[in-house]
Amino acid sequence: MKISTRGRYALRLMIDIGMNDQDSPVRIKDIAQRQEISEKYLEQIVSVLNKAGFVRSSRGPQGGYRLARAPKDYTAGEILTLIEGSLAPVACLDTPSNDCQREAVCPTLILWKKINEAVHGVVDSVTLEDLLKWQDDLLPDKD
């Protein structure tokens, strides 16, 4: 499994909004500049996040985006799954029911399930709040 650029940028966008939406909505232009990502690309990603209710938008000169929920209420897994779709390492694990004709005799299915469980064990346990703290820990001292 490989996380696409869209998935990585979606997490960076959510972190940026989480760090910068205290006083007013965060503009895509500002996020693009800070994150060194194309505005057009971010607009595509934020559109998906907005439609799913992960962010709220406001229009006008002071408009932009804010988180719709508290950072502790988002997981990296739900953000990535929204943008990427399934995070499963193989297609037969994309849905809850495995339709593979070889399921009963496939020894590698055990491996794929373990990989899938490990990935979800990580991304579903890391919150946006955790990512914001990690980002804050990486910043130089503000003293």
C-alpha atoms as a PDB file:
ATOM      1  CA  MET A   1       0.000   0.000   0.000  1.00  0.00           C
ATOM      2  CA  LYS A   2       1.268   3.415  -0.916  1.00  0.00           C
ATOM      3  CA  ILE A   3      -0.363   6.671   0.158  1.00  0.00           C
ATOM      4  CA  SER A   4      -0.802   8.986  -2.828  1.00  0.00           C
ATOM      5  CA  THR A   5       0.173  12.631  -3.025  1.00  0.00           C
ATOM      6  CA  ARG A   6      -3.507  13.518  -2.532  1.00  0.00           C
ATOM      7  CA  GLY A   7      -3.610  11.606   0.748  1.00  0.00           C
ATOM      8  CA  ARG A   8      -0.390  13.145   2.034  1.00  0.00           C
ATOM      9  CA  TYR A   9      -1.510  16.634   1.020  1.00  0.00           C
ATOM     10  CA  ALA A  10      -4.917  16.135   2.652  1.00  0.00           C
ATOM     11  CA  LEU A  11      -3.227  15.423   5.981  1.00  0.00           C
ATOM     12  CA  ARG A  12      -0.936  18.442   5.556  1.00  0.00           C
ATOM     13  CA  LEU A  13      -3.940  20.623   4.698  1.00  0.00           C
ATOM     14  CA  MET A  14      -5.873  19.462   7.774  1.00  0.00           C
ATOM     15  CA  ILE A  15      -2.820  20.017   9.994  1.00  0.00           C
ATOM     16  CA  ASP A  16      -2.337  23.505   8.550  1.00  0.00           C
ATOM     17  CA  ILE A  17      -5.980  24.428   9.127  1.00  0.00           C
ATOM     18  CA  GLY A  18      -5.805  22.993  12.647  1.00  0.00           C
ATOM     19  CA  MET A  19      -2.755  25.097  13.439  1.00  0.00           C
ATOM     20  CA  ASN A  20      -4.016  28.322  11.899  1.00  0.00           C
ATOM     21  CA  ASP A  21      -7.796  28.620  12.311  1.00  0.00           C
ATOM     22  CA  GLN A  22      -7.868  30.036  15.851  1.00  0.00           C
ATOM     23  CA  ASP A  23      -8.850  33.613  14.933  1.00  0.00           C
ATOM     24  CA  SER A  24     -10.246  33.412  11.418  1.00  0.00           C
ATOM     25  CA  PRO A  25     -10.788  30.954   8.577  1.00  0.00           C
ATOM     26  CA  VAL A  26      -7.669  29.795   6.763  1.00  0.00           C
ATOM     27  CA  ARG A  27      -7.336  30.718   3.101  1.00  0.00           C
ATOM     28  CA  ILE A  28      -6.240  28.134   0.545  1.00  0.00           C
ATOM     29  CA  LYS A  29      -3.775  30.682  -0.813  1.00  0.00           C
ATOM     30  CA  ASP A  30      -2.035  30.840   2.581  1.00  0.00           C
ATOM     31  CA  ILE A  31      -2.011  27.062   3.005  1.00  0.00           C
ATOM     32  CA  ALA A  32      -0.577  26.647  -0.492  1.00  0.00           C
ATOM     33  CA  GLN A  33       2.194  29.094   0.303  1.00  0.00           C
ATOM     34  CA  ARG A  34       3.089  27.560   3.678  1.00  0.00           C
ATOM     35  CA  GLN A  35       2.905  23.979   2.420  1.00  0.00           C
ATOM     36  CA  GLU A  36       4.425  24.671  -1.013  1.00  0.00           C
ATOM     37  CA  ILE A  37       1.500  22.966  -2.764  1.00  0.00           C
ATOM     38  CA  SER A  38      -0.429  24.217  -5.799  1.00  0.00           C
ATOM     39  CA  GLU A  39      -3.608  26.143  -4.922  1.00  0.00           C
ATOM     40  CA  LYS A  40      -5.502  24.274  -7.643  1.00  0.00           C
ATOM     41  CA  TYR A  41      -4.493  20.918  -6.180  1.00  0.00           C
ATOM     42  CA  LEU A  42      -5.465  22.003  -2.662  1.00  0.00           C
ATOM     43  CA  GLU A  43      -8.829  23.282  -3.945  1.00  0.00           C
ATOM     44  CA  GLN A  44      -9.605  19.799  -5.313  1.00  0.00           C
ATOM     45  CA  ILE A  45      -8.702  18.179  -2.001  1.00  0.00           C
ATOM     46  CA  VAL A  46     -10.503  20.708   0.204  1.00  0.00           C
ATOM     47  CA  SER A  47     -13.620  20.300  -1.944  1.00  0.00           C
ATOM     48  CA  VAL A  48     -13.769  16.608  -0.988  1.00  0.00           C
ATOM     49  CA  LEU A  49     -13.112  17.425   2.672  1.00  0.00           C
ATOM     50  CA  ASN A  50     -15.803  20.121   2.617  1.00  0.00           C
ATOM     51  CA  LYS A  51     -18.434  17.875   0.984  1.00  0.00           C
ATOM     52  CA  ALA A  52     -17.724  15.195   3.588  1.00  0.00           C
ATOM     53  CA  GLY A  53     -18.177  17.711   6.412  1.00  0.00           C
ATOM     54  CA  PHE A  54     -14.556  17.560   7.607  1.00  0.00           C
ATOM     55  CA  VAL A  55     -14.091  21.302   7.083  1.00  0.00           C
ATOM     56  CA  ARG A  56     -16.470  24.271   6.925  1.00  0.00           C
ATOM     57  CA  SER A  57     -16.075  26.985   4.351  1.00  0.00           C
ATOM     58  CA  SER A  58     -16.935  30.662   4.505  1.00  0.00           C
ATOM     59  CA  ARG A  59     -17.022  33.045   1.575  1.00  0.00           C
ATOM     60  CA  GLY A  60     -15.914  36.612   1.178  1.00  0.00           C
ATOM     61  CA  PRO A  61     -12.732  38.594   1.719  1.00  0.00           C
ATOM     62  CA  GLN A  62     -12.248  37.079   5.182  1.00  0.00           C
ATOM     63  CA  GLY A  63     -13.367  33.655   4.014  1.00  0.00           C
ATOM     64  CA  GLY A  64     -11.558  30.373   4.077  1.00  0.00           C
ATOM     65  CA  TYR A  65     -11.745  27.035   5.854  1.00  0.00           C
ATOM     66  CA  ARG A  66     -12.047  25.866   9.431  1.00  0.00           C
ATOM     67  CA  LEU A  67     -12.179  22.423  10.953  1.00  0.00           C
ATOM     68  CA  ALA A  68     -15.751  21.229  11.412  1.00  0.00           C
ATOM     69  CA  ARG A  69     -14.842  19.243  14.550  1.00  0.00           C
ATOM     70  CA  ALA A  70     -12.222  19.316  17.261  1.00  0.00           C
ATOM     71  CA  PRO A  71      -8.851  17.871  16.171  1.00  0.00           C
ATOM     72  CA  LYS A  72      -9.240  14.990  18.636  1.00  0.00           C
ATOM     73  CA  ASP A  73     -12.361  13.910  16.722  1.00  0.00           C
ATOM     74  CA  TYR A  74     -10.563  13.139  13.440  1.00  0.00           C
ATOM     75  CA  THR A  75      -8.312  10.166  12.822  1.00  0.00           C
ATOM     76  CA  ALA A  76      -5.609  10.019  10.190  1.00  0.00           C
ATOM     77  CA  GLY A  77      -7.350   6.859   8.970  1.00  0.00           C
ATOM     78  CA  GLU A  78     -10.676   8.532   8.261  1.00  0.00           C
ATOM     79  CA  ILE A  79      -8.996  11.419   6.441  1.00  0.00           C
ATOM     80  CA  LEU A  80      -6.870   9.059   4.350  1.00  0.00           C
ATOM     81  CA  THR A  81      -9.792   6.721   3.637  1.00  0.00           C
ATOM     82  CA  LEU A  82     -11.938   9.642   2.497  1.00  0.00           C
ATOM     83  CA  ILE A  83      -9.258  10.796   0.049  1.00  0.00           C
ATOM     84  CA  GLU A  84      -7.675   7.453  -0.924  1.00  0.00           C
ATOM     85  CA  GLY A  85     -10.565   5.039  -0.649  1.00  0.00           C
ATOM     86  CA  SER A  86      -9.593   1.667   0.777  1.00  0.00           C
ATOM     87  CA  LEU A  87      -6.209   1.399   2.462  1.00  0.00           C
ATOM     88  CA  ALA A  88      -6.199  -2.385   2.036  1.00  0.00           C
ATOM     89  CA  PRO A  89      -2.995  -3.863   0.596  1.00  0.00           C
ATOM     90  CA  VAL A  90      -4.936  -6.113  -1.833  1.00  0.00           C
ATOM     91  CA  ALA A  91      -8.266  -5.783  -3.637  1.00  0.00           C
ATOM     92  CA  CYS A  92      -9.851  -8.796  -1.926  1.00  0.00           C
ATOM     93  CA  LEU A  93      -9.824  -6.850   1.362  1.00  0.00           C
ATOM     94  CA  ASP A  94     -11.384  -3.675  -0.075  1.00  0.00           C
ATOM     95  CA  THR A  95     -14.841  -4.672   1.125  1.00  0.00           C
ATOM     96  CA  PRO A  96     -16.054  -6.388   4.326  1.00  0.00           C
ATOM     97  CA  SER A  97     -17.011  -9.538   2.421  1.00  0.00           C
ATOM     98  CA  ASN A  98     -14.187 -11.233   0.551  1.00  0.00           C
ATOM     99  CA  ASP A  99     -15.485 -12.420  -2.825  1.00  0.00           C
ATOM    100  CA  CYS A 100     -12.263 -14.117  -3.874  1.00  0.00           C
ATOM    101  CA  GLN A 101     -12.825 -17.668  -5.062  1.00  0.00           C
ATOM    102  CA  ARG A 102      -9.484 -18.659  -3.529  1.00  0.00           C
ATOM    103  CA  GLU A 103     -10.219 -17.274  -0.050  1.00  0.00           C
ATOM    104  CA  ALA A 104     -10.504 -20.704   1.585  1.00  0.00           C
ATOM    105  CA  VAL A 105      -7.199 -21.938   0.133  1.00  0.00           C
ATOM    106  CA  CYS A 106      -5.110 -18.746  -0.018  1.00  0.00           C
ATOM    107  CA  PRO A 107      -2.226 -18.797   2.454  1.00  0.00           C
ATOM    108  CA  THR A 108      -1.202 -15.239   1.567  1.00  0.00           C
ATOM    109  CA  LEU A 109      -4.600 -13.932   2.672  1.00  0.00           C
ATOM    110  CA  ILE A 110      -3.424 -14.304   6.262  1.00  0.00           C
ATOM    111  CA  LEU A 111      -0.444 -12.065   5.472  1.00  0.00           C
ATOM    112  CA  TRP A 112      -2.614  -9.461   3.706  1.00  0.00           C
ATOM    113  CA  LYS A 113      -5.023  -9.397   6.650  1.00  0.00           C
ATOM    114  CA  LYS A 114      -2.151  -8.885   9.107  1.00  0.00           C
ATOM    115  CA  ILE A 115      -0.791  -6.014   7.010  1.00  0.00           C
ATOM    116  CA  ASN A 116      -4.267  -4.483   6.762  1.00  0.00           C
ATOM    117  CA  GLU A 117      -4.796  -4.774  10.529  1.00  0.00           C
ATOM    118  CA  ALA A 118      -1.379  -3.218  11.214  1.00  0.00           C
ATOM    119  CA  VAL A 119      -2.025  -0.253   8.910  1.00  0.00           C
ATOM    120  CA  HIS A 120      -5.458   0.377  10.395  1.00  0.00           C
ATOM    121  CA  GLY A 121      -4.106  -0.129  13.902  1.00  0.00           C
ATOM    122  CA  VAL A 122      -1.823   2.847  13.312  1.00  0.00           C
ATOM    123  CA  VAL A 123      -3.854   5.258  11.178  1.00  0.00           C
ATOM    124  CA  ASP A 124      -7.065   4.705  13.129  1.00  0.00           C
ATOM    125  CA  SER A 125      -5.343   5.395  16.454  1.00  0.00           C
ATOM    126  CA  VAL A 126      -3.566   8.620  15.441  1.00  0.00           C
ATOM    127  CA  THR A 127      -5.774  11.699  15.703  1.00  0.00           C
ATOM    128  CA  LEU A 128      -5.410  15.077  14.066  1.00  0.00           C
ATOM    129  CA  GLU A 129      -4.724  16.349  17.580  1.00  0.00           C
ATOM    130  CA  ASP A 130      -1.720  13.975  17.744  1.00  0.00           C
ATOM    131  CA  LEU A 131      -0.469  15.236  14.383  1.00  0.00           C
ATOM    132  CA  LEU A 132      -0.829  18.852  15.542  1.00  0.00           C
ATOM    133  CA  LYS A 133       1.179  18.074  18.675  1.00  0.00           C
ATOM    134  CA  TRP A 134       3.872  16.340  16.634  1.00  0.00           C
ATOM    135  CA  GLN A 135       3.992  19.342  14.303  1.00  0.00           C
ATOM    136  CA  ASP A 136       4.278  21.689  17.264  1.00  0.00           C
ATOM    137  CA  ASP A 137       7.102  19.566  18.711  1.00  0.00           C
ATOM    138  CA  LEU A 138       9.012  19.917  15.427  1.00  0.00           C
ATOM    139  CA  LEU A 139       8.782  23.712  15.363  1.00  0.00           C
ATOM    140  CA  PRO A 140      11.643  25.765  16.810  1.00  0.00           C
ATOM    141  CA  ASP A 141      11.028  27.151  20.299  1.00  0.00           C
ATOM    142  CA  LYS A 142       8.735  30.157  20.257  1.00  0.00           C
ATOM    143  CA  ASP A 143      10.407  31.869  23.244  1.00  0.00           C
END
